[in-house]
Amino acid sequence: MTINLVDYERKAREAVQTFWGNREAARQKQIESGKPDQGERAGVTAGKNMDGFIALMIDIIHANGLVHAKIHQKCAVLTLPGFFRPTKRWDLLVIHKGELIAAIELKSQVGPSFGNNFNNRTEEAIGTAHDLWTAYREGAFGKQPRPFVGWLMLVEDTSESPIAGQGELPSFPRIRGIQGCILSKAV
């Protein structure tokens, strides 16, 4: 069975543009209010930056036969059980006939502090997945098929982003750079 990706390349470009547009709009709004956050934080706190990617994911979900699934985006219904921690709030949940079909988390990495922040995001992604799969294995979701678990990370394409994570690895000289991310330039 092939998956309908609903013109994802164009929609992903639009989502990236929405990301940068929403960041700038939030920053401008804070400046106009006279209470701007420090540094990059002014463009982050509005919480709408990844909405273009959520819209793309919803289009893909609907185009692939889940038109009647419940797609949750509001904070009150985004919490799933964990194993190592009691609960985890996700960015998007897809529920169909009482079963979890998909749990998706969206993050971004923008600004000059790639090393530590990117490492923290990587550990967060691995830990979240391990926690969810352990909870699933231990029956926290009842008897149901394994859900899809996704983690999308948008990484700003700057001179620092391709070299983050590189360094001297004498025991593993072939390991280099960031893999598996969407790199984005500010528009």
N, C-alpha and C. Protein backbone atom coordinates (compact mmCIF):
# COMPACT_ATOMS: atom_id res chain seq x y z
N MET A 1 0.85 -1.19 0.00
CA MET A 1 0.00 0.00 0.00
C MET A 1 0.88 1.24 0.00
N THR A 2 0.65 2.13 -0.92
CA THR A 2 1.41 3.38 -0.96
C THR A 2 0.73 4.43 -0.10
N ILE A 3 1.54 5.32 0.41
CA ILE A 3 1.04 6.41 1.25
C ILE A 3 0.89 7.65 0.39
N ASN A 4 -0.25 8.32 0.52
CA ASN A 4 -0.49 9.58 -0.16
C ASN A 4 0.16 10.70 0.66
N LEU A 5 1.20 11.31 0.13
CA LEU A 5 1.92 12.36 0.85
C LEU A 5 1.43 13.76 0.54
N VAL A 6 0.32 13.88 -0.16
CA VAL A 6 -0.41 15.13 -0.40
C VAL A 6 0.48 16.33 -0.73
N ASP A 7 1.36 16.15 -1.72
CA ASP A 7 2.21 17.26 -2.15
C ASP A 7 3.03 17.82 -0.98
N TYR A 8 3.62 16.90 -0.21
CA TYR A 8 4.31 17.29 1.02
C TYR A 8 5.48 18.24 0.79
N GLU A 9 6.16 18.15 -0.36
CA GLU A 9 7.32 19.02 -0.57
C GLU A 9 6.90 20.49 -0.59
N ARG A 10 5.83 20.80 -1.33
CA ARG A 10 5.34 22.18 -1.37
C ARG A 10 4.82 22.59 0.01
N LYS A 11 4.06 21.69 0.64
CA LYS A 11 3.48 22.03 1.95
C LYS A 11 4.56 22.16 3.03
N ALA A 12 5.63 21.38 2.93
CA ALA A 12 6.73 21.52 3.89
C ALA A 12 7.42 22.87 3.71
N ARG A 13 7.61 23.30 2.44
CA ARG A 13 8.18 24.64 2.20
C ARG A 13 7.29 25.72 2.81
N GLU A 14 5.97 25.58 2.61
CA GLU A 14 5.03 26.54 3.19
C GLU A 14 5.08 26.50 4.72
N ALA A 15 5.23 25.31 5.29
CA ALA A 15 5.31 25.18 6.75
C ALA A 15 6.56 25.87 7.29
N VAL A 16 7.67 25.77 6.56
CA VAL A 16 8.89 26.46 6.96
C VAL A 16 8.68 27.97 6.91
N GLN A 17 8.03 28.45 5.85
CA GLN A 17 7.75 29.88 5.75
C GLN A 17 6.81 30.33 6.88
N THR A 18 5.81 29.52 7.19
CA THR A 18 4.90 29.82 8.31
C THR A 18 5.67 29.89 9.62
N PHE A 19 6.60 28.95 9.81
CA PHE A 19 7.43 28.92 11.02
C PHE A 19 8.14 30.25 11.21
N TRP A 20 8.86 30.70 10.17
CA TRP A 20 9.61 31.95 10.29
C TRP A 20 8.68 33.15 10.39
N GLY A 21 7.57 33.14 9.67
CA GLY A 21 6.61 34.24 9.74
C GLY A 21 5.98 34.36 11.12
N ASN A 22 5.62 33.22 11.72
CA ASN A 22 5.03 33.24 13.07
C ASN A 22 6.03 33.70 14.11
N ARG A 23 7.29 33.29 13.97
CA ARG A 23 8.32 33.74 14.91
C ARG A 23 8.47 35.26 14.84
N GLU A 24 8.52 35.79 13.63
CA GLU A 24 8.70 37.24 13.47
C GLU A 24 7.47 37.99 13.97
N ALA A 25 6.27 37.47 13.68
CA ALA A 25 5.04 38.13 14.16
C ALA A 25 5.00 38.15 15.69
N ALA A 26 5.40 37.05 16.32
CA ALA A 26 5.42 37.01 17.79
C ALA A 26 6.44 38.00 18.35
N ARG A 27 7.59 38.07 17.70
CA ARG A 27 8.64 39.00 18.15
C ARG A 27 8.15 40.44 18.03
N GLN A 28 7.53 40.77 16.90
CA GLN A 28 7.01 42.13 16.69
C GLN A 28 5.93 42.47 17.71
N LYS A 29 5.06 41.51 17.98
CA LYS A 29 3.97 41.75 18.95
C LYS A 29 4.55 42.06 20.33
N GLN A 30 5.60 41.33 20.72
CA GLN A 30 6.21 41.59 22.02
C GLN A 30 6.90 42.96 22.05
N ILE A 31 7.54 43.33 20.97
CA ILE A 31 8.18 44.64 20.91
C ILE A 31 7.14 45.74 21.05
N GLU A 32 6.01 45.61 20.34
CA GLU A 32 4.94 46.59 20.40
C GLU A 32 4.31 46.66 21.79
N SER A 33 4.30 45.54 22.52
CA SER A 33 3.71 45.53 23.86
C SER A 33 4.64 46.18 24.88
N GLY A 34 5.91 46.37 24.49
CA GLY A 34 6.88 46.96 25.40
C GLY A 34 7.48 45.97 26.38
N LYS A 35 7.20 44.68 26.20
CA LYS A 35 7.72 43.66 27.10
C LYS A 35 8.36 42.50 26.32
N PRO A 36 9.36 42.78 25.52
CA PRO A 36 9.96 41.69 24.74
C PRO A 36 10.79 40.74 25.59
N ASP A 37 10.74 39.45 25.24
CA ASP A 37 11.61 38.46 25.87
C ASP A 37 13.03 38.67 25.37
N GLN A 38 13.97 38.06 26.04
CA GLN A 38 15.38 38.19 25.66
C GLN A 38 15.72 37.26 24.49
N GLY A 39 16.59 37.72 23.60
CA GLY A 39 17.15 36.91 22.53
C GLY A 39 16.11 36.26 21.65
N GLU A 40 16.32 34.98 21.34
CA GLU A 40 15.45 34.23 20.44
C GLU A 40 14.10 33.90 21.09
N ARG A 41 13.99 34.02 22.39
CA ARG A 41 12.79 33.63 23.11
C ARG A 41 11.56 34.41 22.66
N ALA A 42 11.74 35.63 22.22
CA ALA A 42 10.61 36.47 21.79
C ALA A 42 9.83 35.83 20.66
N GLY A 43 10.49 35.08 19.79
CA GLY A 43 9.81 34.45 18.68
C GLY A 43 9.27 33.07 18.98
N VAL A 44 9.47 32.59 20.19
CA VAL A 44 9.13 31.21 20.54
C VAL A 44 7.88 31.13 21.41
N THR A 45 7.69 32.06 22.29
CA THR A 45 6.70 31.91 23.35
C THR A 45 5.25 31.95 22.89
N ALA A 46 4.97 32.36 21.66
CA ALA A 46 3.58 32.38 21.19
C ALA A 46 3.04 30.97 20.96
N GLY A 47 3.93 30.01 20.68
CA GLY A 47 3.52 28.62 20.58
C GLY A 47 2.85 28.19 19.28
N LYS A 48 2.93 28.97 18.23
CA LYS A 48 2.25 28.64 16.96
C LYS A 48 3.24 28.35 15.84
N ASN A 49 4.51 28.28 16.14
CA ASN A 49 5.52 28.21 15.10
C ASN A 49 5.46 26.95 14.24
N MET A 50 5.05 25.84 14.80
CA MET A 50 5.06 24.57 14.06
C MET A 50 3.68 24.22 13.48
N ASP A 51 2.74 25.17 13.51
CA ASP A 51 1.38 24.91 13.03
C ASP A 51 1.32 24.48 11.56
N GLY A 52 2.22 24.99 10.72
CA GLY A 52 2.23 24.58 9.32
C GLY A 52 2.55 23.10 9.17
N PHE A 53 3.43 22.59 10.01
CA PHE A 53 3.76 21.16 9.97
C PHE A 53 2.61 20.31 10.50
N ILE A 54 1.92 20.82 11.51
CA ILE A 54 0.74 20.10 12.02
C ILE A 54 -0.32 20.02 10.92
N ALA A 55 -0.53 21.11 10.21
CA ALA A 55 -1.51 21.10 9.11
C ALA A 55 -1.12 20.08 8.04
N LEU A 56 0.15 20.00 7.71
CA LEU A 56 0.63 19.02 6.74
C LEU A 56 0.36 17.60 7.23
N MET A 57 0.64 17.35 8.49
CA MET A 57 0.41 16.01 9.05
C MET A 57 -1.08 15.65 9.04
N ILE A 58 -1.92 16.61 9.35
CA ILE A 58 -3.37 16.36 9.32
C ILE A 58 -3.81 16.05 7.90
N ASP A 59 -3.29 16.76 6.92
CA ASP A 59 -3.60 16.46 5.51
C ASP A 59 -3.19 15.03 5.16
N ILE A 60 -2.02 14.61 5.58
CA ILE A 60 -1.54 13.25 5.30
C ILE A 60 -2.42 12.22 5.99
N ILE A 61 -2.80 12.48 7.22
CA ILE A 61 -3.68 11.56 7.97
C ILE A 61 -5.01 11.39 7.24
N HIS A 62 -5.62 12.49 6.86
CA HIS A 62 -6.91 12.43 6.17
C HIS A 62 -6.80 11.76 4.80
N ALA A 63 -5.73 12.07 4.06
CA ALA A 63 -5.56 11.53 2.71
C ALA A 63 -5.30 10.03 2.70
N ASN A 64 -4.98 9.47 3.86
CA ASN A 64 -4.66 8.06 3.93
C ASN A 64 -5.70 7.25 4.69
N GLY A 65 -6.95 7.72 4.63
CA GLY A 65 -8.06 6.91 5.11
C GLY A 65 -8.51 7.11 6.53
N LEU A 66 -7.94 8.06 7.23
CA LEU A 66 -8.37 8.28 8.62
C LEU A 66 -9.19 9.56 8.74
N VAL A 67 -10.13 9.76 7.83
CA VAL A 67 -10.93 10.98 7.84
C VAL A 67 -11.83 11.06 9.07
N HIS A 68 -12.16 9.92 9.67
CA HIS A 68 -13.04 9.93 10.84
C HIS A 68 -12.28 9.82 12.16
N ALA A 69 -10.96 9.78 12.08
CA ALA A 69 -10.16 9.71 13.30
C ALA A 69 -10.26 11.03 14.05
N LYS A 70 -10.13 10.96 15.36
CA LYS A 70 -10.09 12.17 16.18
C LYS A 70 -8.64 12.63 16.23
N ILE A 71 -8.41 13.86 15.79
CA ILE A 71 -7.07 14.43 15.78
C ILE A 71 -7.03 15.49 16.87
N HIS A 72 -6.27 15.21 17.91
CA HIS A 72 -6.22 16.11 19.06
C HIS A 72 -5.01 17.03 18.98
N GLN A 73 -5.30 18.34 19.21
CA GLN A 73 -4.25 19.35 19.21
C GLN A 73 -4.31 20.25 20.44
N LYS A 74 -5.34 20.12 21.23
CA LYS A 74 -5.52 20.99 22.40
C LYS A 74 -4.86 20.35 23.62
N CYS A 75 -4.22 21.17 24.44
CA CYS A 75 -3.44 20.70 25.58
C CYS A 75 -4.20 19.72 26.47
N ALA A 76 -5.46 19.95 26.69
CA ALA A 76 -6.22 19.14 27.63
C ALA A 76 -6.31 17.67 27.23
N VAL A 77 -6.14 17.35 25.94
CA VAL A 77 -6.31 15.96 25.48
C VAL A 77 -5.06 15.42 24.79
N LEU A 78 -3.91 15.95 25.10
CA LEU A 78 -2.68 15.52 24.44
C LEU A 78 -1.78 14.68 25.34
N THR A 79 -2.27 14.27 26.49
CA THR A 79 -1.44 13.57 27.46
C THR A 79 -1.61 12.06 27.33
N LEU A 80 -0.47 11.38 27.28
CA LEU A 80 -0.45 9.92 27.23
C LEU A 80 0.25 9.38 28.46
N PRO A 81 -0.06 8.14 28.83
CA PRO A 81 0.66 7.54 29.95
C PRO A 81 2.10 7.25 29.57
N GLY A 82 2.96 7.31 30.56
CA GLY A 82 4.35 6.92 30.38
C GLY A 82 4.66 5.75 31.29
N PHE A 83 5.91 5.36 31.32
CA PHE A 83 6.33 4.30 32.23
C PHE A 83 7.31 4.84 33.26
N PHE A 84 8.34 5.56 32.80
CA PHE A 84 9.34 6.12 33.70
C PHE A 84 8.88 7.43 34.31
N ARG A 85 7.94 8.07 33.68
CA ARG A 85 7.27 9.25 34.24
C ARG A 85 5.78 8.99 34.06
N PRO A 86 4.95 9.59 34.88
CA PRO A 86 3.52 9.25 34.84
C PRO A 86 2.85 9.58 33.51
N THR A 87 3.18 10.74 32.94
CA THR A 87 2.50 11.17 31.71
C THR A 87 3.45 11.98 30.84
N LYS A 88 3.07 12.14 29.58
CA LYS A 88 3.80 12.99 28.63
C LYS A 88 2.78 13.67 27.74
N ARG A 89 2.90 14.98 27.58
CA ARG A 89 2.03 15.72 26.67
C ARG A 89 2.70 15.80 25.30
N TRP A 90 1.96 15.39 24.27
CA TRP A 90 2.44 15.38 22.90
C TRP A 90 1.85 16.58 22.16
N ASP A 91 2.30 16.83 20.94
CA ASP A 91 1.78 17.94 20.15
C ASP A 91 0.58 17.55 19.30
N LEU A 92 0.49 16.29 18.91
CA LEU A 92 -0.59 15.82 18.05
C LEU A 92 -0.85 14.35 18.36
N LEU A 93 -2.11 14.03 18.64
CA LEU A 93 -2.51 12.63 18.85
C LEU A 93 -3.61 12.29 17.86
N VAL A 94 -3.55 11.07 17.33
CA VAL A 94 -4.58 10.57 16.43
C VAL A 94 -5.19 9.35 17.11
N ILE A 95 -6.51 9.42 17.36
CA ILE A 95 -7.24 8.34 18.00
C ILE A 95 -8.34 7.89 17.04
N HIS A 96 -8.44 6.58 16.85
CA HIS A 96 -9.48 6.04 15.98
C HIS A 96 -10.10 4.83 16.66
N LYS A 97 -11.41 4.88 16.84
CA LYS A 97 -12.15 3.79 17.49
C LYS A 97 -11.56 3.45 18.86
N GLY A 98 -11.18 4.48 19.59
CA GLY A 98 -10.67 4.30 20.94
C GLY A 98 -9.23 3.83 21.03
N GLU A 99 -8.54 3.71 19.91
CA GLU A 99 -7.14 3.28 19.92
C GLU A 99 -6.23 4.41 19.47
N LEU A 100 -5.06 4.47 20.09
CA LEU A 100 -4.05 5.45 19.69
C LEU A 100 -3.45 5.00 18.37
N ILE A 101 -3.58 5.82 17.35
CA ILE A 101 -3.03 5.53 16.02
C ILE A 101 -1.65 6.19 15.88
N ALA A 102 -1.52 7.42 16.37
CA ALA A 102 -0.26 8.14 16.23
C ALA A 102 -0.08 9.16 17.34
N ALA A 103 1.16 9.32 17.75
CA ALA A 103 1.57 10.38 18.69
C ALA A 103 2.75 11.09 18.03
N ILE A 104 2.65 12.41 17.92
CA ILE A 104 3.67 13.16 17.20
C ILE A 104 4.13 14.35 18.04
N GLU A 105 5.43 14.55 18.06
CA GLU A 105 6.06 15.66 18.77
C GLU A 105 6.79 16.52 17.74
N LEU A 106 6.71 17.83 17.87
CA LEU A 106 7.38 18.75 16.95
C LEU A 106 8.26 19.70 17.76
N LYS A 107 9.49 19.87 17.30
CA LYS A 107 10.44 20.76 17.97
C LYS A 107 11.19 21.55 16.92
N SER A 108 11.84 22.61 17.37
CA SER A 108 12.71 23.38 16.48
C SER A 108 13.98 23.74 17.22
N GLN A 109 15.03 23.98 16.44
CA GLN A 109 16.32 24.39 16.99
C GLN A 109 16.78 25.59 16.18
N VAL A 110 16.75 26.75 16.82
CA VAL A 110 17.11 28.00 16.17
C VAL A 110 18.07 28.75 17.07
N GLY A 111 19.04 29.39 16.47
CA GLY A 111 19.92 30.24 17.26
C GLY A 111 21.32 29.68 17.37
N PRO A 112 22.15 30.39 18.10
CA PRO A 112 23.57 30.09 18.10
C PRO A 112 24.02 28.93 19.01
N SER A 113 23.17 28.45 19.88
CA SER A 113 23.64 27.45 20.86
C SER A 113 23.25 26.03 20.45
N PHE A 114 23.77 25.58 19.31
CA PHE A 114 23.40 24.28 18.78
C PHE A 114 23.90 23.12 19.63
N GLY A 115 25.14 23.15 20.03
CA GLY A 115 25.75 22.01 20.71
C GLY A 115 24.92 21.45 21.83
N ASN A 116 24.77 22.22 22.90
CA ASN A 116 24.06 21.74 24.08
C ASN A 116 22.56 21.55 23.82
N ASN A 117 21.93 22.54 23.20
CA ASN A 117 20.49 22.44 22.97
C ASN A 117 20.14 21.27 22.06
N PHE A 118 20.94 21.06 21.01
CA PHE A 118 20.65 19.95 20.11
C PHE A 118 20.85 18.62 20.83
N ASN A 119 21.87 18.54 21.63
CA ASN A 119 22.10 17.32 22.41
C ASN A 119 20.92 17.07 23.35
N ASN A 120 20.42 18.11 24.01
CA ASN A 120 19.26 17.96 24.90
C ASN A 120 18.04 17.48 24.13
N ARG A 121 17.80 18.04 22.94
CA ARG A 121 16.66 17.62 22.11
C ARG A 121 16.80 16.16 21.69
N THR A 122 18.01 15.77 21.34
CA THR A 122 18.25 14.38 20.93
C THR A 122 17.94 13.43 22.09
N GLU A 123 18.45 13.75 23.27
CA GLU A 123 18.18 12.92 24.44
C GLU A 123 16.69 12.90 24.78
N GLU A 124 16.02 14.03 24.60
CA GLU A 124 14.58 14.11 24.84
C GLU A 124 13.82 13.19 23.89
N ALA A 125 14.19 13.19 22.62
CA ALA A 125 13.52 12.34 21.63
C ALA A 125 13.70 10.87 21.96
N ILE A 126 14.92 10.48 22.27
CA ILE A 126 15.20 9.08 22.60
C ILE A 126 14.49 8.68 23.88
N GLY A 127 14.55 9.53 24.89
CA GLY A 127 13.90 9.22 26.17
C GLY A 127 12.39 9.13 26.05
N THR A 128 11.79 10.05 25.29
CA THR A 128 10.35 10.03 25.10
C THR A 128 9.91 8.76 24.39
N ALA A 129 10.63 8.38 23.35
CA ALA A 129 10.29 7.16 22.62
C ALA A 129 10.44 5.93 23.52
N HIS A 130 11.52 5.86 24.26
CA HIS A 130 11.75 4.72 25.14
C HIS A 130 10.66 4.63 26.22
N ASP A 131 10.29 5.78 26.76
CA ASP A 131 9.24 5.82 27.78
C ASP A 131 7.91 5.34 27.21
N LEU A 132 7.54 5.83 26.03
CA LEU A 132 6.27 5.44 25.42
C LEU A 132 6.26 3.94 25.09
N TRP A 133 7.33 3.44 24.47
CA TRP A 133 7.35 2.03 24.09
C TRP A 133 7.38 1.11 25.30
N THR A 134 8.00 1.54 26.39
CA THR A 134 7.98 0.72 27.60
C THR A 134 6.57 0.71 28.18
N ALA A 135 5.91 1.87 28.21
CA ALA A 135 4.52 1.93 28.70
C ALA A 135 3.62 1.05 27.82
N TYR A 136 3.82 1.10 26.52
CA TYR A 136 3.03 0.28 25.60
C TYR A 136 3.26 -1.21 25.89
N ARG A 137 4.52 -1.60 25.99
CA ARG A 137 4.87 -3.00 26.27
C ARG A 137 4.25 -3.49 27.58
N GLU A 138 4.19 -2.60 28.56
CA GLU A 138 3.67 -2.96 29.88
C GLU A 138 2.15 -2.83 29.97
N GLY A 139 1.47 -2.53 28.87
CA GLY A 139 0.01 -2.55 28.83
C GLY A 139 -0.70 -1.26 29.15
N ALA A 140 0.02 -0.14 29.18
CA ALA A 140 -0.62 1.14 29.53
C ALA A 140 -1.69 1.57 28.52
N PHE A 141 -1.65 1.03 27.30
CA PHE A 141 -2.61 1.40 26.27
C PHE A 141 -3.62 0.29 26.00
N GLY A 142 -3.60 -0.74 26.85
CA GLY A 142 -4.49 -1.88 26.63
C GLY A 142 -3.99 -2.72 25.47
N LYS A 143 -4.85 -3.57 24.97
CA LYS A 143 -4.47 -4.41 23.83
C LYS A 143 -4.88 -3.69 22.55
N GLN A 144 -3.90 -3.20 21.85
CA GLN A 144 -4.13 -2.50 20.59
C GLN A 144 -2.87 -2.60 19.75
N PRO A 145 -2.98 -2.39 18.45
CA PRO A 145 -1.77 -2.40 17.61
C PRO A 145 -0.82 -1.28 18.01
N ARG A 146 0.46 -1.47 17.69
CA ARG A 146 1.46 -0.43 17.99
C ARG A 146 1.11 0.85 17.24
N PRO A 147 1.12 1.99 17.92
CA PRO A 147 0.85 3.25 17.23
C PRO A 147 2.09 3.73 16.48
N PHE A 148 1.88 4.68 15.58
CA PHE A 148 2.97 5.38 14.93
C PHE A 148 3.45 6.45 15.90
N VAL A 149 4.75 6.56 16.08
CA VAL A 149 5.31 7.60 16.93
C VAL A 149 6.27 8.42 16.08
N GLY A 150 6.01 9.73 16.02
CA GLY A 150 6.84 10.59 15.19
C GLY A 150 7.43 11.75 15.96
N TRP A 151 8.61 12.17 15.53
CA TRP A 151 9.31 13.30 16.14
C TRP A 151 9.88 14.11 14.98
N LEU A 152 9.35 15.29 14.75
CA LEU A 152 9.84 16.16 13.69
C LEU A 152 10.62 17.29 14.32
N MET A 153 11.82 17.51 13.81
CA MET A 153 12.63 18.60 14.32
C MET A 153 13.08 19.47 13.16
N LEU A 154 12.74 20.75 13.23
CA LEU A 154 13.17 21.73 12.25
C LEU A 154 14.43 22.39 12.81
N VAL A 155 15.51 22.35 12.04
CA VAL A 155 16.78 22.91 12.47
C VAL A 155 17.15 24.05 11.54
N GLU A 156 17.44 25.21 12.14
CA GLU A 156 17.86 26.35 11.34
C GLU A 156 19.17 26.03 10.64
N ASP A 157 19.24 26.35 9.35
CA ASP A 157 20.44 26.12 8.56
C ASP A 157 21.35 27.34 8.70
N THR A 158 22.32 27.22 9.58
CA THR A 158 23.30 28.29 9.79
C THR A 158 24.69 27.67 9.65
N SER A 159 25.70 28.49 9.74
CA SER A 159 27.07 27.96 9.64
C SER A 159 27.36 26.99 10.79
N GLU A 160 26.69 27.13 11.93
CA GLU A 160 26.93 26.25 13.06
C GLU A 160 26.18 24.92 12.97
N SER A 161 25.01 24.89 12.32
CA SER A 161 24.18 23.69 12.36
C SER A 161 24.81 22.45 11.72
N PRO A 162 25.50 22.54 10.57
CA PRO A 162 26.05 21.31 10.02
C PRO A 162 27.22 20.75 10.81
N ILE A 163 27.87 21.57 11.64
CA ILE A 163 29.02 21.06 12.37
C ILE A 163 28.69 20.72 13.81
N ALA A 164 27.47 21.03 14.27
CA ALA A 164 27.10 20.67 15.64
C ALA A 164 27.22 19.17 15.78
N GLY A 165 27.78 18.73 16.85
CA GLY A 165 27.92 17.30 17.08
C GLY A 165 29.24 16.75 16.55
N GLN A 166 29.95 17.53 15.76
CA GLN A 166 31.25 17.06 15.29
C GLN A 166 32.28 17.35 16.35
N GLY A 167 33.30 16.62 16.31
CA GLY A 167 34.38 16.83 17.26
C GLY A 167 35.35 15.68 17.16
N GLU A 168 36.28 15.65 18.04
CA GLU A 168 37.27 14.59 18.04
C GLU A 168 36.66 13.33 18.63
N LEU A 169 36.61 12.31 17.80
CA LEU A 169 36.11 11.00 18.23
C LEU A 169 37.15 9.97 17.81
N PRO A 170 38.25 9.86 18.55
CA PRO A 170 39.33 8.99 18.11
C PRO A 170 38.89 7.52 17.96
N SER A 171 37.96 7.08 18.76
CA SER A 171 37.51 5.69 18.67
C SER A 171 36.53 5.46 17.53
N PHE A 172 35.87 6.53 17.06
CA PHE A 172 34.86 6.43 16.02
C PHE A 172 35.05 7.55 15.00
N PRO A 173 36.10 7.52 14.22
CA PRO A 173 36.42 8.65 13.34
C PRO A 173 35.41 8.91 12.22
N ARG A 174 34.53 7.97 11.91
CA ARG A 174 33.60 8.17 10.80
C ARG A 174 32.30 8.86 11.20
N ILE A 175 32.06 9.05 12.48
CA ILE A 175 30.81 9.67 12.92
C ILE A 175 30.95 11.18 12.81
N ARG A 176 30.06 11.80 12.03
CA ARG A 176 30.13 13.24 11.81
C ARG A 176 28.74 13.83 11.66
N GLY A 177 28.50 14.99 12.26
CA GLY A 177 27.37 15.87 11.96
C GLY A 177 25.99 15.40 12.37
N ILE A 178 25.00 16.20 11.98
CA ILE A 178 23.59 15.97 12.28
C ILE A 178 22.97 15.21 11.13
N GLN A 179 22.21 14.19 11.44
CA GLN A 179 21.52 13.44 10.41
C GLN A 179 20.05 13.37 10.76
N GLY A 180 19.19 13.33 9.74
CA GLY A 180 17.77 13.12 9.96
C GLY A 180 16.98 14.35 10.37
N CYS A 181 17.45 15.54 10.07
CA CYS A 181 16.74 16.76 10.45
C CYS A 181 16.33 17.53 9.21
N ILE A 182 15.35 18.39 9.35
CA ILE A 182 15.00 19.32 8.28
C ILE A 182 15.76 20.60 8.59
N LEU A 183 16.65 21.00 7.68
CA LEU A 183 17.39 22.24 7.86
C LEU A 183 16.64 23.37 7.18
N SER A 184 16.54 24.51 7.85
CA SER A 184 15.75 25.62 7.34
C SER A 184 16.51 26.92 7.46
N LYS A 185 16.50 27.69 6.40
CA LYS A 185 17.06 29.05 6.45
C LYS A 185 15.95 30.03 6.78
N ALA A 186 16.29 31.05 7.52
CA ALA A 186 15.31 32.11 7.79
C ALA A 186 14.94 32.76 6.47
N VAL A 187 13.64 33.05 6.30
CA VAL A 187 13.17 33.68 5.05
C VAL A 187 12.94 35.15 5.24
